[in-house]
Amino acid sequence: MSVPPVLPPEIWRHILQFVPPSTLNDLFLVNSVFYDVCLDAKYREVAFSDRVDNIERMLGTLQGNPDIARRVRSLRITALSQGKRRAPALSRTNVRQRMTQQPPGSIDFPSVRLTQAFLETAHCLKYVRVLFINWGNSGDDFSTANLWPSLAQSLEDLTIMAKSVHLEALLPLSTTTFSRMRNLTIIVQETLEHISLMFCSEDLVIYRHLHTFGHLRSISIVIDADIPSRPATAGAPGHIHSLKFLQRHADTISNLSVTGNIARDHPSAIIYSQLHLSNLQHLSLDAGFMAEHWNATQFLLEAHKGKLQSLEIAGPISEDELVLLLKILNHRSFNSESSPDCCVLSKLSIYVYRLDMPILLLLAESLGRLKVLKLRITKVSDSKSKALTCSPREFYPMYLPPDEAASEFVRAALASETLRAWKLRDVQIRRTSCCGDLVLWGLMRLLAACTPTISSFCESGSMSIPDPPNSRPGLRCSSPYECVYGKDGKA
């Protein structure tokens, strides 16, 4: 037999990756060099069949031969319940296939006994760089205490497919340090309840590759006006993949958040004028989106007001926009709450620049059955003419009738029969002060005095005021002058 050319072992290891197993077995007998590099090639990627005897045999090999165990660089583990089998059909490098199929040559553990046997072998696997764990279909709970101490220092690429209830046990990040980790992929199977899609163009394939999740309850979509996309028309929405994705989950989505600022001709603009989610209960809309696409917003609110319980408008809106909003969402149209067209809104979160009596009366008259009101303001208007305004401090107003210093706004609020008949139960009022938010306890106490049904502040379940009432944020103030957090405004 001719002497093989003198090449470094690293070159032979690379060459032998392309040699079939039958040929590899013959090369073991060439000489000691080939024996060593062939061992590396054979055990570099450990692949188990789904036969229990083969699994046990490989585990025995790794436990009894530390020299073999140290050669393993890539390991794939799939834990399945007793008696379950899957067809091996996943490429490790294909993310799309990862989410729907199982990796080739993966370990099928049909019992807790084999699982524990593997974990007892883990101390030998000190040089594994790539680890793939699929625990998605197993109901077994197990400890990974014996796994991570051996792998954490060498592991560079980790992929975990599992149900959310198993993630903490599978990956105890709080107690494990992965000093060489470069890639971490976590795929939550079956129990996925929330997904965030940020700045995804309709032309991207992500929407088409996202499948149906049976437990999906909450979706957040951030739309970027600068992302190019094909023009869309109301009559030809077929390529709007985000709409199709939402429609596939129309029966499960109960929480939808839409933020971003998009142009009127952007294809995403027509999504919400064609969307109907049968179980939508909580909706958050960007104020800029609502202002730019009022027709789409109007349809969305009209179509869902029969089940919509909570609405948040993120960003400031004008009084005229609030009037338009409350023409759709109000408790005046139908007396029967069981009517499918009856507005059932019980929680509203809005930002109005100026709070005055017309705003309060509009809210109380339109939403008489509202339970929770979250207001963000900047100013308080002291009169109907809106000529006298101020930024309130945390305990504004300090003066109440019959004190002559009591403002017109305070007197009008305390005298209002409309506010007294309001069924509001919880209120929160905030404004921005220098470097953080300021809770306006004084205004909240005033509203509670006007509306006897209010029994809670800031959804705390009580009307007690903490000490201190407001705490300055921990971040360093960005003001070039002295920080005036809580000190600005009128007392």
Protein backbone atom coordinates (compact mmCIF):
# COMPACT_ATOMS: atom_id res chain seq x y z
CA MET A 1 0.00 0.00 0.00
CA SER A 2 1.37 3.41 -0.94
CA VAL A 3 2.18 5.84 1.82
CA PRO A 4 -0.38 8.65 1.97
CA PRO A 5 0.97 12.14 1.32
CA VAL A 6 2.17 14.01 4.38
CA LEU A 7 -0.60 16.43 5.25
CA PRO A 8 -1.51 18.07 8.53
CA PRO A 9 -4.24 16.23 10.50
CA GLU A 10 -6.54 19.25 10.08
CA ILE A 11 -6.53 18.78 6.30
CA TRP A 12 -7.32 15.09 6.61
CA ARG A 13 -10.18 15.87 9.01
CA HIS A 14 -11.65 18.21 6.43
CA ILE A 15 -11.24 15.67 3.60
CA LEU A 16 -12.81 12.87 5.62
CA GLN A 17 -16.00 14.89 6.08
CA PHE A 18 -16.84 13.91 2.50
CA VAL A 19 -16.00 10.20 2.86
CA PRO A 20 -18.95 7.78 3.20
CA PRO A 21 -19.14 5.78 6.49
CA SER A 22 -18.32 2.46 4.78
CA THR A 23 -15.05 3.85 3.40
CA LEU A 24 -14.28 5.55 6.69
CA ASN A 25 -14.38 2.20 8.50
CA ASP A 26 -11.71 0.83 6.12
CA LEU A 27 -9.46 3.84 6.66
CA PHE A 28 -9.25 3.10 10.37
CA LEU A 29 -6.82 0.28 9.51
CA VAL A 30 -4.33 2.33 7.45
CA ASN A 31 -2.12 3.56 10.29
CA SER A 32 -2.23 5.37 13.62
CA VAL A 33 -2.54 8.80 12.00
CA PHE A 34 -5.56 7.73 9.97
CA TYR A 35 -7.03 5.99 12.99
CA ASP A 36 -6.88 9.24 14.94
CA VAL A 37 -8.34 11.49 12.25
CA CYS A 38 -11.02 8.93 11.41
CA LEU A 39 -12.12 8.92 15.03
CA ASP A 40 -12.44 12.70 14.80
CA ALA A 41 -14.51 12.42 11.61
CA LYS A 42 -16.78 9.70 12.98
CA TYR A 43 -17.59 11.33 16.30
CA ARG A 44 -17.28 15.02 15.41
CA GLU A 45 -21.07 15.17 14.99
CA VAL A 46 -22.83 12.68 17.20
CA ALA A 47 -25.98 11.32 15.58
CA PHE A 48 -28.24 8.80 17.29
CA SER A 49 -30.83 6.61 15.62
CA ASP A 50 -34.29 6.20 17.12
CA ARG A 51 -33.56 2.65 18.28
CA VAL A 52 -33.14 2.35 22.02
CA ASP A 53 -30.35 -0.23 21.74
CA ASN A 54 -28.32 2.11 19.47
CA ILE A 55 -28.80 4.98 21.89
CA GLU A 56 -27.64 2.89 24.83
CA ARG A 57 -24.67 1.60 22.85
CA MET A 58 -23.52 5.12 21.95
CA LEU A 59 -23.97 6.31 25.52
CA GLY A 60 -21.86 3.40 26.69
CA THR A 61 -19.17 4.27 24.14
CA LEU A 62 -18.98 7.88 25.31
CA GLN A 63 -18.98 6.96 28.98
CA GLY A 64 -16.34 4.23 28.63
CA ASN A 65 -14.02 6.07 26.24
CA PRO A 66 -13.14 9.62 27.30
CA ASP A 67 -10.81 9.82 24.29
CA ILE A 68 -13.83 9.44 22.00
CA ALA A 69 -16.05 11.78 24.04
CA ARG A 70 -13.52 14.61 23.78
CA ARG A 71 -13.76 14.49 19.98
CA VAL A 72 -17.47 15.40 19.88
CA ARG A 73 -17.93 18.94 18.58
CA SER A 74 -21.60 18.95 17.58
CA LEU A 75 -24.43 17.34 19.49
CA ARG A 76 -28.16 17.11 18.76
CA ILE A 77 -30.70 16.06 21.35
CA THR A 78 -34.42 15.53 20.89
CA ALA A 79 -36.45 14.42 23.88
CA LEU A 80 -39.75 12.80 22.95
CA SER A 81 -42.44 11.25 25.09
CA GLN A 82 -42.63 7.46 25.41
CA GLY A 83 -43.49 5.78 22.12
CA LYS A 84 -43.42 8.92 19.96
CA ARG A 85 -41.30 9.07 16.81
CA ARG A 86 -40.55 11.73 14.24
CA ALA A 87 -39.11 11.51 10.78
CA PRO A 88 -35.64 13.06 10.72
CA ALA A 89 -35.82 15.95 8.28
CA LEU A 90 -34.16 19.11 9.59
CA SER A 91 -31.07 20.90 8.36
CA ARG A 92 -29.23 22.58 11.20
CA THR A 93 -28.47 25.62 9.10
CA ASN A 94 -31.98 26.18 7.79
CA VAL A 95 -33.97 28.32 10.21
CA ARG A 96 -37.23 27.84 8.39
CA GLN A 97 -36.97 24.05 8.59
CA ARG A 98 -35.85 24.29 12.20
CA MET A 99 -39.21 25.71 13.17
CA THR A 100 -41.25 22.93 11.62
CA GLN A 101 -39.15 19.76 11.51
CA GLN A 102 -36.61 17.73 13.43
CA PRO A 103 -32.84 17.73 12.83
CA PRO A 104 -31.19 14.77 11.13
CA GLY A 105 -29.43 12.27 13.32
CA SER A 106 -31.08 13.55 16.49
CA ILE A 107 -31.43 11.69 19.76
CA ASP A 108 -34.84 10.22 20.49
CA PHE A 109 -35.27 9.70 24.23
CA PRO A 110 -38.43 7.65 24.77
CA SER A 111 -37.92 7.41 28.53
CA VAL A 112 -36.63 9.34 31.50
CA ARG A 113 -34.09 6.55 32.03
CA LEU A 114 -32.28 7.31 28.77
CA THR A 115 -32.47 11.03 29.47
CA GLN A 116 -30.74 10.65 32.80
CA ALA A 117 -28.20 8.29 31.22
CA PHE A 118 -27.26 10.99 28.75
CA LEU A 119 -26.96 13.65 31.45
CA GLU A 120 -24.62 11.35 33.37
CA THR A 121 -22.46 11.15 30.24
CA ALA A 122 -22.31 14.93 29.82
CA HIS A 123 -19.23 15.37 32.01
CA CYS A 124 -17.19 13.67 29.26
CA LEU A 125 -18.33 16.12 26.57
CA LYS A 126 -15.98 18.98 27.35
CA TYR A 127 -15.34 20.24 23.82
CA VAL A 128 -18.82 20.44 22.27
CA ARG A 129 -19.21 23.71 20.37
CA VAL A 130 -22.63 23.26 18.77
CA LEU A 131 -25.62 21.98 20.71
CA PHE A 132 -29.17 21.52 19.45
CA ILE A 133 -31.85 20.60 22.02
CA ASN A 134 -35.44 19.88 20.98
CA TRP A 135 -37.56 19.29 24.06
CA GLY A 136 -40.75 20.62 22.50
CA ASN A 137 -42.83 17.43 22.52
CA SER A 138 -41.71 16.00 25.81
CA GLY A 139 -43.75 16.26 28.94
CA ASP A 140 -40.80 15.19 31.04
CA ASP A 141 -39.22 17.62 33.48
CA PHE A 142 -35.54 17.09 34.16
CA SER A 143 -32.54 18.87 35.62
CA THR A 144 -29.66 20.05 33.46
CA ALA A 145 -27.34 20.44 36.43
CA ASN A 146 -24.96 17.83 34.98
CA LEU A 147 -25.08 19.24 31.46
CA TRP A 148 -24.07 22.92 31.59
CA PRO A 149 -20.96 22.72 33.83
CA SER A 150 -19.30 20.54 31.19
CA LEU A 151 -20.49 22.43 28.10
CA ALA A 152 -20.69 26.07 29.19
CA GLN A 153 -17.00 26.87 28.72
CA SER A 154 -16.71 25.51 25.16
CA LEU A 155 -20.19 26.05 23.73
CA GLU A 156 -20.35 28.60 20.89
CA ASP A 157 -23.71 27.86 19.25
CA LEU A 158 -26.83 26.82 21.16
CA THR A 159 -30.31 26.21 19.79
CA ILE A 160 -33.20 25.23 22.05
CA MET A 161 -36.65 24.23 20.82
CA ALA A 162 -39.00 23.83 23.78
CA LYS A 163 -42.25 24.78 25.38
CA SER A 164 -42.10 27.85 27.56
CA VAL A 165 -42.67 25.82 30.74
CA HIS A 166 -39.39 23.95 30.12
CA LEU A 167 -37.16 26.88 29.13
CA GLU A 168 -36.05 27.86 32.62
CA ALA A 169 -35.05 24.28 33.44
CA LEU A 170 -33.29 23.83 30.10
CA LEU A 171 -31.33 27.07 30.18
CA PRO A 172 -30.61 28.43 33.69
CA LEU A 173 -28.92 31.63 32.50
CA SER A 174 -28.88 33.08 36.01
CA THR A 175 -26.57 30.31 37.25
CA THR A 176 -24.55 29.53 34.10
CA THR A 177 -21.86 31.59 32.34
CA PHE A 178 -21.28 30.85 28.64
CA SER A 179 -17.91 32.50 28.11
CA ARG A 180 -17.59 31.62 24.38
CA MET A 181 -21.24 31.84 23.28
CA ARG A 182 -21.70 33.50 19.90
CA ASN A 183 -25.14 32.37 18.74
CA LEU A 184 -28.19 31.66 20.88
CA THR A 185 -31.49 30.64 19.28
CA ILE A 186 -34.59 29.90 21.32
CA ILE A 187 -37.69 28.62 19.53
CA VAL A 188 -40.82 28.39 21.67
CA GLN A 189 -43.07 25.66 20.32
CA GLU A 190 -46.84 25.36 20.52
CA THR A 191 -47.27 27.58 23.58
CA LEU A 192 -46.10 30.81 21.88
CA GLU A 193 -48.44 33.54 23.13
CA HIS A 194 -46.76 36.81 22.10
CA ILE A 195 -44.82 37.90 19.01
CA SER A 196 -43.29 41.27 18.09
CA LEU A 197 -42.70 42.17 14.44
CA MET A 198 -40.56 45.29 14.08
CA PHE A 199 -39.96 47.17 10.84
CA CYS A 200 -40.89 44.21 8.61
CA SER A 201 -41.56 45.15 5.01
CA GLU A 202 -44.39 43.39 3.22
CA ASP A 203 -41.81 42.19 0.70
CA LEU A 204 -39.89 40.25 3.33
CA VAL A 205 -40.47 36.52 3.52
CA ILE A 206 -40.88 36.46 7.30
CA TYR A 207 -44.67 36.76 7.21
CA ARG A 208 -44.97 33.86 4.78
CA HIS A 209 -42.68 31.68 6.88
CA LEU A 210 -44.47 32.37 10.13
CA HIS A 211 -46.89 29.54 10.62
CA THR A 212 -50.10 29.34 12.62
CA PHE A 213 -49.62 29.34 16.39
CA GLY A 214 -52.57 27.85 18.20
CA HIS A 215 -51.96 29.75 21.45
CA LEU A 216 -51.00 33.15 20.02
CA ARG A 217 -52.78 35.85 22.01
CA SER A 218 -50.75 39.02 21.57
CA ILE A 219 -49.09 40.68 18.57
CA SER A 220 -47.06 43.90 18.43
CA ILE A 221 -46.36 45.38 15.00
CA VAL A 222 -43.95 48.28 14.45
CA ILE A 223 -44.19 49.79 10.97
CA ASP A 224 -41.44 51.93 9.49
CA ALA A 225 -42.35 54.57 6.93
CA ASP A 226 -38.95 54.28 5.26
CA ILE A 227 -39.28 50.59 4.36
CA PRO A 228 -39.98 50.30 0.63
CA SER A 229 -42.78 48.05 -0.48
CA ARG A 230 -44.91 47.47 -3.52
CA PRO A 231 -47.90 49.82 -3.92
CA ALA A 232 -51.20 48.47 -2.70
CA THR A 233 -54.79 49.25 -3.52
CA ALA A 234 -57.92 48.52 -1.58
CA GLY A 235 -59.01 46.11 -4.27
CA ALA A 236 -55.79 44.14 -4.52
CA PRO A 237 -54.45 43.30 -1.07
CA GLY A 238 -53.31 39.81 -2.00
CA HIS A 239 -49.60 40.44 -1.37
CA ILE A 240 -50.12 41.94 2.09
CA HIS A 241 -48.64 39.04 4.03
CA SER A 242 -48.97 40.71 7.42
CA LEU A 243 -52.74 40.89 6.89
CA LYS A 244 -52.83 37.20 6.03
CA PHE A 245 -50.76 36.40 9.11
CA LEU A 246 -53.19 38.33 11.32
CA GLN A 247 -56.19 36.70 9.67
CA ARG A 248 -54.74 33.23 10.29
CA HIS A 249 -54.88 34.03 14.00
CA ALA A 250 -58.19 35.88 13.94
CA ASP A 251 -59.77 33.48 16.43
CA THR A 252 -56.99 33.63 19.04
CA ILE A 253 -55.60 37.19 19.02
CA SER A 254 -56.94 39.17 21.95
CA ASN A 255 -54.22 41.84 22.17
CA LEU A 256 -53.00 43.90 19.18
CA SER A 257 -50.48 46.75 19.26
CA VAL A 258 -49.73 48.86 16.17
CA THR A 259 -47.08 51.56 16.32
CA GLY A 260 -45.05 53.47 13.76
CA ASN A 261 -45.58 56.29 11.32
CA ILE A 262 -46.44 55.29 7.76
CA ALA A 263 -47.51 57.16 4.67
CA ARG A 264 -51.05 56.95 3.35
CA ASP A 265 -49.95 55.04 0.23
CA HIS A 266 -47.99 52.47 2.25
CA PRO A 267 -49.50 48.98 1.75
CA SER A 268 -49.80 48.43 5.49
CA ALA A 269 -52.19 51.37 5.64
CA ILE A 270 -55.09 49.34 4.26
CA ILE A 271 -54.49 46.31 6.48
CA TYR A 272 -56.59 47.59 9.33
CA SER A 273 -59.54 48.57 7.14
CA GLN A 274 -59.94 44.89 6.18
CA LEU A 275 -59.13 43.23 9.47
CA HIS A 276 -61.59 41.47 11.73
CA LEU A 277 -60.35 39.66 14.84
CA SER A 278 -63.22 37.86 16.49
CA ASN A 279 -61.64 37.85 19.95
CA LEU A 280 -59.88 41.24 20.04
CA GLN A 281 -60.17 42.72 23.54
CA HIS A 282 -57.13 44.99 23.92
CA LEU A 283 -55.96 47.43 21.25
CA SER A 284 -53.04 49.89 21.26
CA LEU A 285 -52.73 52.34 18.36
CA ASP A 286 -50.09 54.92 17.57
CA ALA A 287 -51.61 58.43 17.60
CA GLY A 288 -49.77 59.31 14.40
CA PHE A 289 -51.17 56.25 12.65
CA MET A 290 -54.69 57.12 13.79
CA ALA A 291 -54.37 60.71 12.55
CA GLU A 292 -52.92 59.71 9.18
CA HIS A 293 -55.28 56.80 8.57
CA TRP A 294 -58.53 57.79 10.20
CA ASN A 295 -60.73 55.78 7.81
CA ALA A 296 -58.83 52.56 8.55
CA THR A 297 -58.92 53.34 12.28
CA GLN A 298 -62.65 54.03 12.13
CA PHE A 299 -63.34 50.67 10.47
CA LEU A 300 -61.12 48.84 12.94
CA LEU A 301 -62.89 50.37 15.93
CA GLU A 302 -66.39 49.92 14.47
CA ALA A 303 -65.69 46.27 13.67
CA HIS A 304 -64.41 45.43 17.15
CA LYS A 305 -66.20 47.72 19.59
CA GLY A 306 -68.59 44.93 20.58
CA LYS A 307 -65.72 43.04 22.30
CA LEU A 308 -63.02 45.67 22.71
CA GLN A 309 -62.49 46.20 26.44
CA SER A 310 -59.29 48.24 26.48
CA LEU A 311 -58.00 50.95 24.13
CA GLU A 312 -54.70 52.81 24.30
CA ILE A 313 -53.80 55.68 22.01
CA ALA A 314 -50.02 56.09 22.25
CA GLY A 315 -49.16 59.73 21.71
CA PRO A 316 -50.96 63.07 22.01
CA ILE A 317 -54.32 63.61 20.33
CA SER A 318 -56.29 66.82 19.82
CA GLU A 319 -59.70 67.55 21.27
CA ASP A 320 -61.23 67.20 17.79
CA GLU A 321 -59.66 63.75 17.41
CA LEU A 322 -61.03 62.75 20.80
CA VAL A 323 -64.51 63.86 19.72
CA LEU A 324 -64.27 61.72 16.58
CA LEU A 325 -63.01 58.78 18.62
CA LEU A 326 -65.88 58.99 21.09
CA LYS A 327 -68.44 59.16 18.30
CA ILE A 328 -67.48 55.56 17.57
CA LEU A 329 -66.69 54.31 21.04
CA ASN A 330 -69.37 55.47 23.43
CA HIS A 331 -71.92 54.05 25.82
CA ARG A 332 -74.81 56.16 24.53
CA SER A 333 -75.85 54.27 21.39
CA PHE A 334 -77.40 51.17 22.99
CA ASN A 335 -78.84 50.58 26.43
CA SER A 336 -78.38 46.82 26.21
CA GLU A 337 -74.79 45.74 26.83
CA SER A 338 -75.59 42.37 25.26
CA SER A 339 -76.12 43.94 21.84
CA PRO A 340 -73.37 42.96 19.37
CA ASP A 341 -73.05 46.62 18.33
CA CYS A 342 -72.83 47.92 21.88
CA CYS A 343 -69.51 49.43 22.95
CA VAL A 344 -68.16 47.50 25.94
CA LEU A 345 -65.02 49.58 26.45
CA SER A 346 -64.04 49.54 30.12
CA LYS A 347 -60.48 50.92 30.01
CA LEU A 348 -59.17 53.94 28.10
CA SER A 349 -55.64 55.35 27.96
CA ILE A 350 -55.12 58.66 26.12
CA TYR A 351 -52.83 61.68 26.05
CA VAL A 352 -54.44 65.12 25.80
CA TYR A 353 -52.28 68.19 25.91
CA ARG A 354 -54.71 70.31 27.94
CA LEU A 355 -57.13 68.95 30.55
CA ASP A 356 -60.20 71.10 31.09
CA MET A 357 -63.85 70.70 32.02
CA PRO A 358 -65.09 70.14 28.42
CA ILE A 359 -62.68 67.19 28.10
CA LEU A 360 -63.80 65.67 31.42
CA LEU A 361 -67.47 66.14 30.59
CA LEU A 362 -67.00 64.64 27.13
CA LEU A 363 -65.42 61.54 28.64
CA ALA A 364 -68.04 61.21 31.38
CA GLU A 365 -71.00 61.68 29.03
CA SER A 366 -69.65 59.41 26.28
CA LEU A 367 -68.24 56.62 28.43
CA GLY A 368 -70.55 56.45 31.40
CA ARG A 369 -69.70 52.80 32.10
CA LEU A 370 -65.90 53.25 31.82
CA LYS A 371 -64.10 51.55 34.70
CA VAL A 372 -60.45 52.63 34.27
CA LEU A 373 -59.14 55.94 32.88
CA LYS A 374 -55.43 56.56 32.28
CA LEU A 375 -54.72 60.17 31.33
CA ARG A 376 -51.46 61.79 30.29
CA ILE A 377 -51.58 65.57 30.17
CA THR A 378 -49.26 68.57 29.93
CA LYS A 379 -51.43 71.45 31.11
CA VAL A 380 -54.61 72.11 33.09
CA SER A 381 -56.96 74.73 31.74
CA ASP A 382 -58.27 77.04 34.42
CA SER A 383 -61.22 78.36 32.47
CA LYS A 384 -63.44 77.65 29.50
CA SER A 385 -61.64 80.33 27.56
CA LYS A 386 -58.42 78.31 27.97
CA ALA A 387 -56.60 81.56 28.50
CA LEU A 388 -55.35 80.56 31.94
CA THR A 389 -53.36 77.35 31.93
CA CYS A 390 -50.68 75.80 34.11
CA SER A 391 -48.52 72.73 34.48
CA PRO A 392 -49.78 71.08 37.66
CA ARG A 393 -47.49 69.79 40.39
CA GLU A 394 -48.07 66.44 42.03
CA PHE A 395 -50.59 67.77 44.61
CA TYR A 396 -52.26 70.43 42.50
CA PRO A 397 -54.78 71.87 43.40
CA MET A 398 -53.82 72.90 46.91
CA TYR A 399 -56.92 75.07 47.35
CA LEU A 400 -60.51 73.82 47.37
CA PRO A 401 -63.82 75.66 47.83
CA PRO A 402 -64.84 77.61 49.82
CA ASP A 403 -61.27 78.95 49.77
CA GLU A 404 -61.25 82.00 47.52
CA ALA A 405 -57.97 80.83 45.99
CA ALA A 406 -59.71 77.77 44.48
CA SER A 407 -59.53 77.88 40.69
CA GLU A 408 -62.47 77.98 38.31
CA PHE A 409 -61.55 74.50 37.05
CA VAL A 410 -61.74 73.04 40.57
CA ARG A 411 -65.05 74.77 41.36
CA ALA A 412 -66.64 73.58 38.11
CA ALA A 413 -65.47 70.00 38.62
CA LEU A 414 -66.81 69.75 42.18
CA ALA A 415 -70.14 71.20 41.11
CA SER A 416 -70.63 68.89 38.11
CA GLU A 417 -73.56 66.46 38.31
CA THR A 418 -72.24 64.68 35.22
CA LEU A 419 -69.01 63.76 36.97
CA ARG A 420 -70.99 62.72 40.06
CA ALA A 421 -73.05 60.25 37.98
CA TRP A 422 -69.97 58.76 36.28
CA LYS A 423 -69.30 55.08 37.12
CA LEU A 424 -65.53 55.38 36.93
CA ARG A 425 -63.66 53.20 39.43
CA ASP A 426 -59.95 53.80 38.84
CA VAL A 427 -58.02 56.81 37.59
CA GLN A 428 -54.41 57.60 36.77
CA ILE A 429 -53.16 61.03 35.66
CA ARG A 430 -49.53 61.72 34.72
CA ARG A 431 -47.42 64.33 33.02
CA THR A 432 -43.78 64.59 32.01
CA SER A 433 -41.58 66.54 34.41
CA CYS A 434 -37.97 67.22 33.43
CA CYS A 435 -36.41 63.74 33.30
CA GLY A 436 -39.37 61.47 34.12
CA ASP A 437 -43.09 60.97 34.62
CA LEU A 438 -44.89 62.66 37.50
CA VAL A 439 -48.03 61.10 38.99
CA LEU A 440 -50.54 63.89 39.68
CA TRP A 441 -52.04 62.70 42.96
CA GLY A 442 -53.82 66.01 43.60
CA LEU A 443 -55.81 65.88 40.38
CA MET A 444 -56.65 62.23 41.02
CA ARG A 445 -57.96 63.09 44.50
CA LEU A 446 -59.99 65.93 43.00
CA LEU A 447 -61.60 63.59 40.46
CA ALA A 448 -62.31 61.06 43.23
CA ALA A 449 -64.07 63.81 45.17
CA CYS A 450 -66.19 64.56 42.08
CA THR A 451 -66.93 60.90 41.24
CA PRO A 452 -67.83 58.85 44.35
CA THR A 453 -67.40 55.48 42.59
CA ILE A 454 -63.64 55.97 42.24
CA SER A 455 -61.98 53.67 44.78
CA SER A 456 -58.52 53.08 43.28
CA PHE A 457 -55.56 55.02 41.92
CA CYS A 458 -53.19 53.70 39.25
CA GLU A 459 -54.87 50.26 39.27
CA SER A 460 -53.43 49.62 42.71
CA GLY A 461 -56.72 48.60 44.32
CA SER A 462 -56.54 51.43 46.86
CA MET A 463 -56.45 55.23 47.08
CA SER A 464 -53.40 55.34 49.31
CA ILE A 465 -50.54 57.59 48.22
CA PRO A 466 -47.02 56.13 48.52
CA ASP A 467 -44.19 57.79 50.36
CA PRO A 468 -42.51 59.38 48.52
CA PRO A 469 -45.39 60.14 46.14
CA ASN A 470 -43.01 60.34 43.17
CA SER A 471 -39.44 59.12 42.85
CA ARG A 472 -36.99 60.66 40.47
CA PRO A 473 -35.91 58.16 37.79
CA GLY A 474 -32.55 56.51 38.33
CA LEU A 475 -31.21 57.73 34.98
CA ARG A 476 -29.05 60.82 34.92
CA CYS A 477 -31.01 63.96 34.06
CA SER A 478 -30.27 65.18 30.52
CA SER A 479 -31.15 68.79 31.29
CA PRO A 480 -28.20 71.19 30.84
CA TYR A 481 -29.47 73.07 33.88
CA GLU A 482 -30.48 72.01 37.38
CA CYS A 483 -32.95 69.10 37.46
CA VAL A 484 -36.44 70.37 38.28
CA TYR A 485 -38.20 67.00 38.46
CA GLY A 486 -41.41 67.53 40.46
CA LYS A 487 -40.58 71.18 41.12
CA ASP A 488 -41.83 72.68 37.87
CA GLY A 489 -45.44 73.80 37.52
CA LYS A 490 -48.12 75.25 39.77
CA ALA A 491 -48.92 73.98 43.23
